[in-house]
Structure formats: C-alpha cells, structure tokens
Amino acid sequence: MDILRLAVIACVAGCYSPDVRDCTVTCSAPAECADGQQCLSGFCVADGTTPVCTNPAAPDATPAATTQLHITIMGHGHVAIGGTIVCDSEQMMNATGDCTITLPQHVVAHAQATAAGNGMFEMWMGGTCPLANLPACDFTPATPTLMLTVKFK
C-alpha cells in the first residue's frame, strides 16, 4: 500500500503544472521560470513582455504619512522640537518667527518654547498644546497640516 501511495504522489507531483503569473516568482536565470516565461529584472514574466515588477516580499514602500507643522512665534524666542531649534524669531528680519517643518504623523513630538533675553514665555495658542501655559508641550500630529503658535512677553 505504501508503494502505491508513493507512485500516486510521484505522478501527481511530476504532472502538476500551475499557471505562473507575471511578477510572482523571483529569478536569477531563465531556467528558474516556467515555460513561456523569461527572467526580466529578477522576476519571471511572459516572453515578449516588459511589465514593471516590484518585489512582493519587500517592505511596504508607501511613504510614511507626514504633517507640515507651521510654527508662528509672537515676540522674541525660539521653538525646539525634540531638542533641535526649528524656528527662531531672532533669526528673522522682522523678529517674528514663521517657519514650516515636516514631522511624521502618529509620533509624539515634544515642543519647547524658550524666550530670548529677558523675555518670558506667555502661552501656546491654537489648541495644538493642551496645557497652553507651560513652555513644554507634547502633541501627536495626525493631520496633513498643523498650526503651532507661541507668544512671548
């Protein structure tokens, strides 16, 4: 009985010929592709065609979602995000900061407002920072654009 099973399995395995679709099998030589296919740019594709294939095993190549954060500074000071100064009113000709930076969405960002000279932090405005009276603010960008305004005395 075992010999009969082996004979059936060998016959089925040797006779099985699945349809191979373009761009589903990777290859390094034509011999690795099914009959009627060629190896093109590392993928098996039908002879005489030139489809554009991407590696289905590759990580998702979709770029991560980002937020354009528009920062406005009223008064004299700067805003740092993650410890790096990204907007500084002292560097602007009219002493008001107006900057735009790109941040990844759904990642907590830490903003820190620091007054220049003898100035003082007054408040965050616009709702991005829930504790508007503290110079440190954590927020999570989740939209394509976001406004962050800080006011110094």
C-alpha atoms as a PDB file:
ATOM      1  CA  MET A   1       0.000   0.000   0.000  1.00  0.00           C
ATOM      2  CA  ASP A   2       2.878   2.430   0.781  1.00  0.00           C
ATOM      3  CA  ILE A   3       4.372   1.828  -2.672  1.00  0.00           C
ATOM      4  CA  LEU A   4       1.050   2.684  -4.282  1.00  0.00           C
ATOM      5  CA  ARG A   5       0.836   5.959  -2.323  1.00  0.00           C
ATOM      6  CA  LEU A   6       4.357   6.912  -3.351  1.00  0.00           C
ATOM      7  CA  ALA A   7       3.577   6.143  -7.000  1.00  0.00           C
ATOM      8  CA  VAL A   8       0.456   8.347  -6.900  1.00  0.00           C
ATOM      9  CA  ILE A   9       2.339  11.203  -5.196  1.00  0.00           C
ATOM     10  CA  ALA A  10       5.204  10.973  -7.696  1.00  0.00           C
ATOM     11  CA  CYS A  11       2.804  11.014 -10.623  1.00  0.00           C
ATOM     12  CA  VAL A  12       0.843  13.968  -9.236  1.00  0.00           C
ATOM     13  CA  ALA A  13       3.989  15.907  -8.357  1.00  0.00           C
ATOM     14  CA  GLY A  14       5.555  15.261 -11.746  1.00  0.00           C
ATOM     15  CA  CYS A  15       2.380  16.132 -13.645  1.00  0.00           C
ATOM     16  CA  TYR A  16       1.443  19.263 -11.686  1.00  0.00           C
ATOM     17  CA  SER A  17       1.990  22.432 -13.708  1.00  0.00           C
ATOM     18  CA  PRO A  18       0.493  25.514 -12.025  1.00  0.00           C
ATOM     19  CA  ASP A  19      -0.118  28.687 -14.001  1.00  0.00           C
ATOM     20  CA  VAL A  20       2.609  31.156 -13.109  1.00  0.00           C
ATOM     21  CA  ARG A  21       1.553  34.794 -13.273  1.00  0.00           C
ATOM     22  CA  ASP A  22       3.928  37.601 -14.197  1.00  0.00           C
ATOM     23  CA  CYS A  23       5.906  39.127 -11.337  1.00  0.00           C
ATOM     24  CA  THR A  24       5.029  36.440  -8.757  1.00  0.00           C
ATOM     25  CA  VAL A  25       8.252  34.417  -8.933  1.00  0.00           C
ATOM     26  CA  THR A  26      11.726  35.864  -8.472  1.00  0.00           C
ATOM     27  CA  CYS A  27      14.561  34.540 -10.619  1.00  0.00           C
ATOM     28  CA  SER A  28      18.224  34.967 -11.415  1.00  0.00           C
ATOM     29  CA  ALA A  29      18.213  32.942 -14.666  1.00  0.00           C
ATOM     30  CA  PRO A  30      15.639  31.991 -17.349  1.00  0.00           C
ATOM     31  CA  ALA A  31      15.782  28.322 -16.301  1.00  0.00           C
ATOM     32  CA  GLU A  32      14.101  29.287 -12.996  1.00  0.00           C
ATOM     33  CA  CYS A  33      10.946  30.466 -14.797  1.00  0.00           C
ATOM     34  CA  ALA A  34       8.035  28.414 -16.161  1.00  0.00           C
ATOM     35  CA  ASP A  35       7.727  27.525 -19.854  1.00  0.00           C
ATOM     36  CA  GLY A  36       6.783  30.591 -21.871  1.00  0.00           C
ATOM     37  CA  GLN A  37       8.388  32.971 -19.377  1.00  0.00           C
ATOM     38  CA  GLN A  38      11.652  34.876 -19.254  1.00  0.00           C
ATOM     39  CA  CYS A  39      13.678  36.249 -16.354  1.00  0.00           C
ATOM     40  CA  LEU A  40      13.454  40.054 -16.528  1.00  0.00           C
ATOM     41  CA  SER A  41      14.876  42.291 -13.789  1.00  0.00           C
ATOM     42  CA  GLY A  42      14.739  39.467 -11.264  1.00  0.00           C
ATOM     43  CA  PHE A  43      11.144  38.368 -11.974  1.00  0.00           C
ATOM     44  CA  CYS A  44       9.560  35.746 -14.218  1.00  0.00           C
ATOM     45  CA  VAL A  45       7.393  37.385 -16.889  1.00  0.00           C
ATOM     46  CA  ALA A  46       5.743  36.189 -20.101  1.00  0.00           C
ATOM     47  CA  ASP A  47       8.039  36.000 -23.126  1.00  0.00           C
ATOM     48  CA  GLY A  48       7.929  39.149 -25.238  1.00  0.00           C
ATOM     49  CA  THR A  49       6.530  41.411 -22.485  1.00  0.00           C
ATOM     50  CA  THR A  50       8.224  44.025 -20.330  1.00  0.00           C
ATOM     51  CA  PRO A  51       5.967  44.615 -17.303  1.00  0.00           C
ATOM     52  CA  VAL A  52       7.241  46.648 -14.380  1.00  0.00           C
ATOM     53  CA  CYS A  53       7.522  44.356 -11.381  1.00  0.00           C
ATOM     54  CA  THR A  54       8.218  45.184  -7.759  1.00  0.00           C
ATOM     55  CA  ASN A  55       9.336  42.773  -5.128  1.00  0.00           C
ATOM     56  CA  PRO A  56       6.227  41.500  -3.350  1.00  0.00           C
ATOM     57  CA  ALA A  57       8.381  40.404  -0.419  1.00  0.00           C
ATOM     58  CA  ALA A  58       9.837  43.890   0.015  1.00  0.00           C
ATOM     59  CA  PRO A  59       8.588  46.014   2.902  1.00  0.00           C
ATOM     60  CA  ASP A  60       5.755  48.375   2.102  1.00  0.00           C
ATOM     61  CA  ALA A  61       7.287  51.147   0.026  1.00  0.00           C
ATOM     62  CA  THR A  62       4.434  53.540   0.767  1.00  0.00           C
ATOM     63  CA  PRO A  63       5.982  56.642   2.300  1.00  0.00           C
ATOM     64  CA  ALA A  64       5.045  57.322   5.894  1.00  0.00           C
ATOM     65  CA  ALA A  65       2.376  59.971   6.397  1.00  0.00           C
ATOM     66  CA  THR A  66       3.746  63.370   7.368  1.00  0.00           C
ATOM     67  CA  THR A  67       2.435  66.619   8.800  1.00  0.00           C
ATOM     68  CA  GLN A  68       3.503  70.085   7.715  1.00  0.00           C
ATOM     69  CA  LEU A  69       3.806  71.916  11.043  1.00  0.00           C
ATOM     70  CA  HIS A  70       3.526  75.692  10.646  1.00  0.00           C
ATOM     71  CA  ILE A  71       5.083  77.475  13.639  1.00  0.00           C
ATOM     72  CA  THR A  72       4.401  81.130  14.380  1.00  0.00           C
ATOM     73  CA  ILE A  73       6.336  82.971  17.093  1.00  0.00           C
ATOM     74  CA  MET A  74       4.913  86.173  18.508  1.00  0.00           C
ATOM     75  CA  GLY A  75       7.645  88.047  20.369  1.00  0.00           C
ATOM     76  CA  HIS A  76      11.271  87.080  20.872  1.00  0.00           C
ATOM     77  CA  GLY A  77      12.288  83.456  21.351  1.00  0.00           C
ATOM     78  CA  HIS A  78      12.548  80.087  19.678  1.00  0.00           C
ATOM     79  CA  VAL A  79      10.812  76.733  19.446  1.00  0.00           C
ATOM     80  CA  ALA A  80      12.673  73.442  19.612  1.00  0.00           C
ATOM     81  CA  ILE A  81      11.126  70.146  18.523  1.00  0.00           C
ATOM     82  CA  GLY A  82      12.788  67.087  20.002  1.00  0.00           C
ATOM     83  CA  GLY A  83      15.627  69.253  21.360  1.00  0.00           C
ATOM     84  CA  THR A  84      16.508  70.878  17.998  1.00  0.00           C
ATOM     85  CA  ILE A  85      15.716  74.554  17.423  1.00  0.00           C
ATOM     86  CA  VAL A  86      13.469  74.634  14.368  1.00  0.00           C
ATOM     87  CA  CYS A  87      12.139  78.201  14.498  1.00  0.00           C
ATOM     88  CA  ASP A  88      13.851  81.262  15.981  1.00  0.00           C
ATOM     89  CA  SER A  89      12.361  84.772  15.870  1.00  0.00           C
ATOM     90  CA  GLU A  90      15.823  86.252  16.493  1.00  0.00           C
ATOM     91  CA  GLN A  91      16.961  84.843  13.144  1.00  0.00           C
ATOM     92  CA  MET A  92      14.076  86.521  11.290  1.00  0.00           C
ATOM     93  CA  MET A  93      14.390  90.048   9.925  1.00  0.00           C
ATOM     94  CA  ASN A  94      11.088  91.222  11.465  1.00  0.00           C
ATOM     95  CA  ALA A  95      11.681  89.477  14.831  1.00  0.00           C
ATOM     96  CA  THR A  96       8.700  87.190  14.343  1.00  0.00           C
ATOM     97  CA  GLY A  97       9.202  83.527  13.644  1.00  0.00           C
ATOM     98  CA  ASP A  98       7.239  81.956  10.828  1.00  0.00           C
ATOM     99  CA  CYS A  99       8.533  78.500   9.962  1.00  0.00           C
ATOM    100  CA  THR A 100       7.297  75.228   8.496  1.00  0.00           C
ATOM    101  CA  ILE A 101       8.793  71.835   9.258  1.00  0.00           C
ATOM    102  CA  THR A 102       7.794  68.271   8.373  1.00  0.00           C
ATOM    103  CA  LEU A 103       7.043  65.743  11.105  1.00  0.00           C
ATOM    104  CA  PRO A 104       5.929  62.104  10.910  1.00  0.00           C
ATOM    105  CA  GLN A 105       2.276  61.526  11.742  1.00  0.00           C
ATOM    106  CA  HIS A 106       1.212  59.485  14.764  1.00  0.00           C
ATOM    107  CA  VAL A 107       4.548  60.008  16.534  1.00  0.00           C
ATOM    108  CA  VAL A 108       4.614  62.116  19.701  1.00  0.00           C
ATOM    109  CA  ALA A 109       6.535  65.365  19.202  1.00  0.00           C
ATOM    110  CA  HIS A 110       7.980  67.392  22.086  1.00  0.00           C
ATOM    111  CA  ALA A 111       7.974  71.168  21.616  1.00  0.00           C
ATOM    112  CA  GLN A 112       9.856  73.522  23.923  1.00  0.00           C
ATOM    113  CA  ALA A 113       9.416  77.304  23.790  1.00  0.00           C
ATOM    114  CA  THR A 114      12.282  79.426  25.099  1.00  0.00           C
ATOM    115  CA  ALA A 115      12.163  83.212  25.410  1.00  0.00           C
ATOM    116  CA  ALA A 116      15.090  85.339  24.232  1.00  0.00           C
ATOM    117  CA  GLY A 117      16.966  87.725  26.517  1.00  0.00           C
ATOM    118  CA  ASN A 118      14.869  88.952  29.433  1.00  0.00           C
ATOM    119  CA  GLY A 119      11.625  87.857  27.780  1.00  0.00           C
ATOM    120  CA  MET A 120       9.203  85.329  29.196  1.00  0.00           C
ATOM    121  CA  PHE A 121       7.062  82.597  27.763  1.00  0.00           C
ATOM    122  CA  GLU A 122       3.406  83.668  27.817  1.00  0.00           C
ATOM    123  CA  MET A 123       1.344  80.931  26.125  1.00  0.00           C
ATOM    124  CA  TRP A 124       0.763  78.489  23.291  1.00  0.00           C
ATOM    125  CA  MET A 125      -2.207  79.386  21.124  1.00  0.00           C
ATOM    126  CA  GLY A 126      -4.306  77.476  18.627  1.00  0.00           C
ATOM    127  CA  GLY A 127      -5.174  74.294  20.520  1.00  0.00           C
ATOM    128  CA  THR A 128      -2.208  72.112  19.497  1.00  0.00           C
ATOM    129  CA  CYS A 129      -0.749  72.313  23.002  1.00  0.00           C
ATOM    130  CA  PRO A 130      -3.413  71.427  25.575  1.00  0.00           C
ATOM    131  CA  LEU A 131      -1.533  72.918  28.554  1.00  0.00           C
ATOM    132  CA  ALA A 132      -1.192  76.333  26.952  1.00  0.00           C
ATOM    133  CA  ASN A 133       0.516  77.979  29.949  1.00  0.00           C
ATOM    134  CA  LEU A 134       3.550  75.642  30.089  1.00  0.00           C
ATOM    135  CA  PRO A 135       6.566  76.171  27.784  1.00  0.00           C
ATOM    136  CA  ALA A 136       6.877  72.417  27.147  1.00  0.00           C
ATOM    137  CA  CYS A 137       4.262  70.723  25.002  1.00  0.00           C
ATOM    138  CA  ASP A 138       3.802  67.167  23.749  1.00  0.00           C
ATOM    139  CA  PHE A 139       1.479  66.601  20.801  1.00  0.00           C
ATOM    140  CA  THR A 140       0.835  63.905  18.212  1.00  0.00           C
ATOM    141  CA  PRO A 141       0.461  65.099  14.600  1.00  0.00           C
ATOM    142  CA  ALA A 142      -2.350  63.243  12.853  1.00  0.00           C
ATOM    143  CA  THR A 143      -3.367  65.561  10.005  1.00  0.00           C
ATOM    144  CA  PRO A 144      -1.540  66.773   6.862  1.00  0.00           C
ATOM    145  CA  THR A 145      -1.163  70.300   8.310  1.00  0.00           C
ATOM    146  CA  LEU A 146      -0.992  71.668  11.830  1.00  0.00           C
ATOM    147  CA  MET A 147      -0.533  75.127  13.341  1.00  0.00           C
ATOM    148  CA  LEU A 148       1.551  75.854  16.437  1.00  0.00           C
ATOM    149  CA  THR A 149       1.700  79.412  17.741  1.00  0.00           C
ATOM    150  CA  VAL A 150       3.705  80.599  20.731  1.00  0.00           C
ATOM    151  CA  LYS A 151       3.599  84.020  22.374  1.00  0.00           C
ATOM    152  CA  PHE A 152       6.387  85.582  24.425  1.00  0.00           C
ATOM    153  CA  LYS A 153       6.152  88.720  26.653  1.00  0.00           C
END
